[in-house]
Amino acid sequence: EDNDTLESVILAALARGNHTLAVAETFTAGQIDARLAHLPGAEMRFRRGLVARSHAELFAGAGLDADAA
């Protein structure tokens, strides 16, 4: 609506609820991270972006055991 972007609406909603966001992406080349991380105020709400080509790499990057899933 108006001049709001999807990204600014997401960050505003996170701020209202005092929430943060971490994203795990596969086959997106980090496009979700790229849309959010650079915005003013994102450093307070956007905690981490993890980009990998496989689920095993995502699990490893998050410090999780892929075999336990």
C-alpha atoms as a PDB file:
ATOM      1  CA  GLU A   1       0.000   0.000   0.000  1.00  0.00           C
ATOM      2  CA  ASP A   2       1.140   3.563  -0.653  1.00  0.00           C
ATOM      3  CA  ASN A   3       4.953   3.644  -0.732  1.00  0.00           C
ATOM      4  CA  ASP A   4       5.367   0.624   1.537  1.00  0.00           C
ATOM      5  CA  THR A   5       7.361  -2.296   0.232  1.00  0.00           C
ATOM      6  CA  LEU A   6       6.952  -5.900   1.278  1.00  0.00           C
ATOM      7  CA  GLU A   7      10.328  -5.663   2.971  1.00  0.00           C
ATOM      8  CA  SER A   8       9.480  -2.534   4.975  1.00  0.00           C
ATOM      9  CA  VAL A   9       6.171  -4.054   6.099  1.00  0.00           C
ATOM     10  CA  ILE A  10       7.968  -7.203   7.296  1.00  0.00           C
ATOM     11  CA  LEU A  11      10.585  -5.223   9.227  1.00  0.00           C
ATOM     12  CA  ALA A  12       7.915  -2.984  10.779  1.00  0.00           C
ATOM     13  CA  ALA A  13       5.882  -6.013  11.901  1.00  0.00           C
ATOM     14  CA  LEU A  14       8.996  -7.574  13.428  1.00  0.00           C
ATOM     15  CA  ALA A  15       9.748  -4.329  15.271  1.00  0.00           C
ATOM     16  CA  ARG A  16       6.185  -3.990  16.596  1.00  0.00           C
ATOM     17  CA  GLY A  17       6.351  -7.440  18.130  1.00  0.00           C
ATOM     18  CA  ASN A  18      10.006  -7.052  19.191  1.00  0.00           C
ATOM     19  CA  HIS A  19      10.794 -10.115  17.047  1.00  0.00           C
ATOM     20  CA  THR A  20      13.794 -11.056  14.928  1.00  0.00           C
ATOM     21  CA  LEU A  21      14.160 -13.097  11.755  1.00  0.00           C
ATOM     22  CA  ALA A  22      16.645 -15.709  10.549  1.00  0.00           C
ATOM     23  CA  VAL A  23      16.332 -17.179   7.065  1.00  0.00           C
ATOM     24  CA  ALA A  24      17.589 -20.463   5.610  1.00  0.00           C
ATOM     25  CA  GLU A  25      17.511 -20.483   1.814  1.00  0.00           C
ATOM     26  CA  THR A  26      18.120 -23.162  -0.801  1.00  0.00           C
ATOM     27  CA  PHE A  27      18.304 -22.447  -4.519  1.00  0.00           C
ATOM     28  CA  THR A  28      17.468 -18.751  -4.108  1.00  0.00           C
ATOM     29  CA  ALA A  29      21.051 -17.450  -4.257  1.00  0.00           C
ATOM     30  CA  GLY A  30      20.342 -15.400  -1.132  1.00  0.00           C
ATOM     31  CA  GLN A  31      17.621 -13.279  -2.693  1.00  0.00           C
ATOM     32  CA  ILE A  32      15.533 -13.121   0.499  1.00  0.00           C
ATOM     33  CA  ASP A  33      18.575 -12.052   2.505  1.00  0.00           C
ATOM     34  CA  ALA A  34      19.448  -9.468  -0.124  1.00  0.00           C
ATOM     35  CA  ARG A  35      15.967  -7.923  -0.012  1.00  0.00           C
ATOM     36  CA  LEU A  36      15.998  -7.442   3.762  1.00  0.00           C
ATOM     37  CA  ALA A  37      19.531  -7.196   5.150  1.00  0.00           C
ATOM     38  CA  HIS A  38      20.534  -3.869   3.570  1.00  0.00           C
ATOM     39  CA  LEU A  39      17.496  -1.878   4.722  1.00  0.00           C
ATOM     40  CA  PRO A  40      17.751   0.768   7.458  1.00  0.00           C
ATOM     41  CA  GLY A  41      16.917  -0.798  10.805  1.00  0.00           C
ATOM     42  CA  ALA A  42      17.375  -4.357   9.538  1.00  0.00           C
ATOM     43  CA  GLU A  43      20.418  -4.808  11.763  1.00  0.00           C
ATOM     44  CA  MET A  44      18.066  -4.854  14.761  1.00  0.00           C
ATOM     45  CA  ARG A  45      15.626  -7.389  13.281  1.00  0.00           C
ATOM     46  CA  PHE A  46      17.427  -9.483  10.665  1.00  0.00           C
ATOM     47  CA  ARG A  47      19.705 -11.820  12.593  1.00  0.00           C
ATOM     48  CA  ARG A  48      21.103 -14.249  10.063  1.00  0.00           C
ATOM     49  CA  GLY A  49      20.826 -15.514   6.545  1.00  0.00           C
ATOM     50  CA  LEU A  50      22.072 -18.950   5.598  1.00  0.00           C
ATOM     51  CA  VAL A  51      22.278 -19.843   1.919  1.00  0.00           C
ATOM     52  CA  ALA A  52      23.175 -23.332   0.701  1.00  0.00           C
ATOM     53  CA  ARG A  53      22.523 -25.658  -2.218  1.00  0.00           C
ATOM     54  CA  SER A  54      21.455 -28.680  -0.195  1.00  0.00           C
ATOM     55  CA  HIS A  55      19.619 -29.466   3.007  1.00  0.00           C
ATOM     56  CA  ALA A  56      22.738 -31.187   4.356  1.00  0.00           C
ATOM     57  CA  GLU A  57      24.702 -27.943   3.898  1.00  0.00           C
ATOM     58  CA  LEU A  58      21.933 -25.964   5.620  1.00  0.00           C
ATOM     59  CA  PHE A  59      21.975 -28.328   8.572  1.00  0.00           C
ATOM     60  CA  ALA A  60      25.769 -28.134   8.801  1.00  0.00           C
ATOM     61  CA  GLY A  61      25.699 -24.340   8.568  1.00  0.00           C
ATOM     62  CA  ALA A  62      23.180 -24.164  11.404  1.00  0.00           C
ATOM     63  CA  GLY A  63      25.195 -26.598  13.518  1.00  0.00           C
ATOM     64  CA  LEU A  64      22.550 -29.324  13.295  1.00  0.00           C
ATOM     65  CA  ASP A  65      22.907 -33.050  12.658  1.00  0.00           C
ATOM     66  CA  ALA A  66      21.313 -33.789   9.281  1.00  0.00           C
ATOM     67  CA  ASP A  67      20.952 -37.467  10.201  1.00  0.00           C
ATOM     68  CA  ALA A  68      18.726 -36.610  13.177  1.00  0.00           C
ATOM     69  CA  ALA A  69      16.132 -34.865  10.980  1.00  0.00           C
END
